[in-house]
């Protein structure tokens, strides 16, 4: 199973934001990997690097649900690509590009909520 873990924890983050930051960092790593597989130029970080307060239970719940779904979908796509590679095949670049666009869209959605 694929897990998204940030490269380093160079900046300590307050507990309520640590998991949010870790999820976004993991999605950013997945995006970079898939863009490479698709032969795409790496995209620059959008607004997902700006973190504001996740105030309100509804907003926090929305972020948790959407980010969990984004991570699960990205992991499933990467696992499918990894399985193809393991079996000697290779994912079609268009499939990797589609996955990259999906991850980028999810990052932008999540980043928009965090930067409000």
C-alpha atoms as a PDB file:
ATOM      1  CA  UNK A   1       0.000   0.000   0.000  1.00  0.00           C
ATOM      2  CA  UNK A   2       1.220   3.472  -0.808  1.00  0.00           C
ATOM      3  CA  UNK A   3       1.359   6.057   1.959  1.00  0.00           C
ATOM      4  CA  UNK A   4       2.012   9.736   1.535  1.00  0.00           C
ATOM      5  CA  UNK A   5       4.561  11.046   4.016  1.00  0.00           C
ATOM      6  CA  UNK A   6       6.310  14.411   3.747  1.00  0.00           C
ATOM      7  CA  UNK A   7      10.082  14.371   3.136  1.00  0.00           C
ATOM      8  CA  UNK A   8      11.024  16.275   6.245  1.00  0.00           C
ATOM      9  CA  UNK A   9       9.559  18.000   9.186  1.00  0.00           C
ATOM     10  CA  UNK A  10      11.846  21.001   9.073  1.00  0.00           C
ATOM     11  CA  UNK A  11       9.237  23.374  10.431  1.00  0.00           C
ATOM     12  CA  UNK A  12       7.215  22.343  13.464  1.00  0.00           C
ATOM     13  CA  UNK A  13       3.516  22.813  12.833  1.00  0.00           C
ATOM     14  CA  UNK A  14       0.767  23.189  15.402  1.00  0.00           C
ATOM     15  CA  UNK A  15      -1.018  19.889  16.050  1.00  0.00           C
ATOM     16  CA  UNK A  16      -4.336  20.809  14.401  1.00  0.00           C
ATOM     17  CA  UNK A  17      -2.492  21.595  11.170  1.00  0.00           C
ATOM     18  CA  UNK A  18       0.134  18.859  11.158  1.00  0.00           C
ATOM     19  CA  UNK A  19      -2.054  16.247   9.505  1.00  0.00           C
ATOM     20  CA  UNK A  20      -3.408  18.755   6.974  1.00  0.00           C
ATOM     21  CA  UNK A  21       0.121  19.808   6.032  1.00  0.00           C
ATOM     22  CA  UNK A  22       1.249  16.169   5.818  1.00  0.00           C
ATOM     23  CA  UNK A  23      -1.633  15.278   3.503  1.00  0.00           C
ATOM     24  CA  UNK A  24      -0.947  18.226   1.232  1.00  0.00           C
ATOM     25  CA  UNK A  25       2.789  17.458   1.161  1.00  0.00           C
ATOM     26  CA  UNK A  26       2.072  13.831   0.292  1.00  0.00           C
ATOM     27  CA  UNK A  27      -0.277  14.847  -2.496  1.00  0.00           C
ATOM     28  CA  UNK A  28       2.346  17.285  -3.816  1.00  0.00           C
ATOM     29  CA  UNK A  29       4.915  14.423  -3.881  1.00  0.00           C
ATOM     30  CA  UNK A  30       2.441  12.180  -5.693  1.00  0.00           C
ATOM     31  CA  UNK A  31       1.764  14.937  -8.212  1.00  0.00           C
ATOM     32  CA  UNK A  32       5.475  15.411  -8.888  1.00  0.00           C
ATOM     33  CA  UNK A  33       5.905  11.665  -9.425  1.00  0.00           C
ATOM     34  CA  UNK A  34       2.923  11.318 -11.755  1.00  0.00           C
ATOM     35  CA  UNK A  35       3.861  14.416 -13.743  1.00  0.00           C
ATOM     36  CA  UNK A  36       7.251  12.827 -14.331  1.00  0.00           C
ATOM     37  CA  UNK A  37       5.643   9.587 -15.504  1.00  0.00           C
ATOM     38  CA  UNK A  38       3.422  11.561 -17.871  1.00  0.00           C
ATOM     39  CA  UNK A  39       6.385  13.494 -19.253  1.00  0.00           C
ATOM     40  CA  UNK A  40       4.912  16.739 -17.974  1.00  0.00           C
ATOM     41  CA  UNK A  41       6.872  19.662 -16.587  1.00  0.00           C
ATOM     42  CA  UNK A  42       6.514  19.863 -12.805  1.00  0.00           C
ATOM     43  CA  UNK A  43       3.778  22.251 -11.816  1.00  0.00           C
ATOM     44  CA  UNK A  44       4.494  24.928  -9.289  1.00  0.00           C
ATOM     45  CA  UNK A  45       2.697  24.795  -5.964  1.00  0.00           C
ATOM     46  CA  UNK A  46      -0.630  26.564  -6.111  1.00  0.00           C
ATOM     47  CA  UNK A  47      -2.267  27.916  -3.010  1.00  0.00           C
ATOM     48  CA  UNK A  48      -1.853  24.705  -1.029  1.00  0.00           C
ATOM     49  CA  UNK A  49       1.218  26.085   0.732  1.00  0.00           C
ATOM     50  CA  UNK A  50      -0.773  28.823   2.428  1.00  0.00           C
ATOM     51  CA  UNK A  51      -2.299  27.666   5.670  1.00  0.00           C
ATOM     52  CA  UNK A  52      -4.972  29.519   7.531  1.00  0.00           C
ATOM     53  CA  UNK A  53      -7.035  28.465  10.488  1.00  0.00           C
ATOM     54  CA  UNK A  54      -9.420  25.589   9.929  1.00  0.00           C
ATOM     55  CA  UNK A  55     -12.054  27.166  12.108  1.00  0.00           C
ATOM     56  CA  UNK A  56     -15.462  25.672  12.443  1.00  0.00           C
ATOM     57  CA  UNK A  57     -16.398  22.049  12.699  1.00  0.00           C
ATOM     58  CA  UNK A  58     -18.098  21.948   9.285  1.00  0.00           C
ATOM     59  CA  UNK A  59     -15.052  23.393   7.505  1.00  0.00           C
ATOM     60  CA  UNK A  60     -12.692  21.036   9.323  1.00  0.00           C
ATOM     61  CA  UNK A  61     -14.919  18.030   8.551  1.00  0.00           C
ATOM     62  CA  UNK A  62     -15.109  19.037   4.878  1.00  0.00           C
ATOM     63  CA  UNK A  63     -11.317  19.306   4.688  1.00  0.00           C
ATOM     64  CA  UNK A  64     -10.829  15.960   6.432  1.00  0.00           C
ATOM     65  CA  UNK A  65     -13.274  14.156   4.145  1.00  0.00           C
ATOM     66  CA  UNK A  66     -12.008  15.747   0.921  1.00  0.00           C
ATOM     67  CA  UNK A  67      -8.337  15.318   1.753  1.00  0.00           C
ATOM     68  CA  UNK A  68      -8.848  11.675   2.771  1.00  0.00           C
ATOM     69  CA  UNK A  69     -10.649  11.041  -0.522  1.00  0.00           C
ATOM     70  CA  UNK A  70      -7.909  12.834  -2.482  1.00  0.00           C
ATOM     71  CA  UNK A  71      -5.181  10.794  -0.804  1.00  0.00           C
ATOM     72  CA  UNK A  72      -7.068   7.524  -1.319  1.00  0.00           C
ATOM     73  CA  UNK A  73      -7.711   8.259  -4.997  1.00  0.00           C
ATOM     74  CA  UNK A  74      -4.134   9.296  -5.622  1.00  0.00           C
ATOM     75  CA  UNK A  75      -2.808   6.229  -3.848  1.00  0.00           C
ATOM     76  CA  UNK A  76      -5.089   3.966  -5.892  1.00  0.00           C
ATOM     77  CA  UNK A  77      -3.875   5.531  -9.135  1.00  0.00           C
ATOM     78  CA  UNK A  78      -0.237   5.212  -8.126  1.00  0.00           C
ATOM     79  CA  UNK A  79      -0.753   1.606  -7.027  1.00  0.00           C
ATOM     80  CA  UNK A  80      -2.261   0.774 -10.424  1.00  0.00           C
ATOM     81  CA  UNK A  81       0.744   2.318 -12.162  1.00  0.00           C
ATOM     82  CA  UNK A  82       3.129   0.484  -9.831  1.00  0.00           C
ATOM     83  CA  UNK A  83       1.352  -2.824 -10.489  1.00  0.00           C
ATOM     84  CA  UNK A  84       1.649  -2.314 -14.241  1.00  0.00           C
ATOM     85  CA  UNK A  85       5.369  -1.592 -13.869  1.00  0.00           C
ATOM     86  CA  UNK A  86       5.812  -4.625 -11.618  1.00  0.00           C
ATOM     87  CA  UNK A  87       4.212  -6.841 -14.265  1.00  0.00           C
ATOM     88  CA  UNK A  88       6.566  -5.488 -16.924  1.00  0.00           C
ATOM     89  CA  UNK A  89       4.087  -3.079 -18.462  1.00  0.00           C
ATOM     90  CA  UNK A  90       3.955   0.657 -18.426  1.00  0.00           C
ATOM     91  CA  UNK A  91       1.094   3.067 -17.836  1.00  0.00           C
ATOM     92  CA  UNK A  92       0.100   5.093 -20.848  1.00  0.00           C
ATOM     93  CA  UNK A  93       1.353   8.688 -20.475  1.00  0.00           C
ATOM     94  CA  UNK A  94      -2.193   9.960 -21.055  1.00  0.00           C
ATOM     95  CA  UNK A  95      -3.404   7.965 -18.040  1.00  0.00           C
ATOM     96  CA  UNK A  96      -0.620   9.411 -15.900  1.00  0.00           C
ATOM     97  CA  UNK A  97      -1.466  12.890 -17.182  1.00  0.00           C
ATOM     98  CA  UNK A  98      -5.121  12.395 -16.250  1.00  0.00           C
ATOM     99  CA  UNK A  99      -4.106  11.302 -12.751  1.00  0.00           C
ATOM    100  CA  UNK A 100      -1.774  14.304 -12.470  1.00  0.00           C
ATOM    101  CA  UNK A 101      -4.581  16.690 -13.440  1.00  0.00           C
ATOM    102  CA  UNK A 102      -6.873  15.087 -10.878  1.00  0.00           C
ATOM    103  CA  UNK A 103      -4.288  15.400  -8.093  1.00  0.00           C
ATOM    104  CA  UNK A 104      -3.592  19.019  -9.068  1.00  0.00           C
ATOM    105  CA  UNK A 105      -7.323  19.824  -8.957  1.00  0.00           C
ATOM    106  CA  UNK A 106      -7.644  18.253  -5.507  1.00  0.00           C
ATOM    107  CA  UNK A 107      -4.630  20.207  -4.244  1.00  0.00           C
ATOM    108  CA  UNK A 108      -6.132  23.435  -5.527  1.00  0.00           C
ATOM    109  CA  UNK A 109      -9.479  22.666  -3.855  1.00  0.00           C
ATOM    110  CA  UNK A 110      -7.852  21.831  -0.536  1.00  0.00           C
ATOM    111  CA  UNK A 111      -5.499  24.776  -0.728  1.00  0.00           C
ATOM    112  CA  UNK A 112      -8.388  27.142  -1.374  1.00  0.00           C
ATOM    113  CA  UNK A 113     -10.060  26.026   1.854  1.00  0.00           C
ATOM    114  CA  UNK A 114      -6.868  26.433   3.838  1.00  0.00           C
ATOM    115  CA  UNK A 115      -6.057  29.860   2.446  1.00  0.00           C
ATOM    116  CA  UNK A 116      -9.435  31.469   3.200  1.00  0.00           C
END
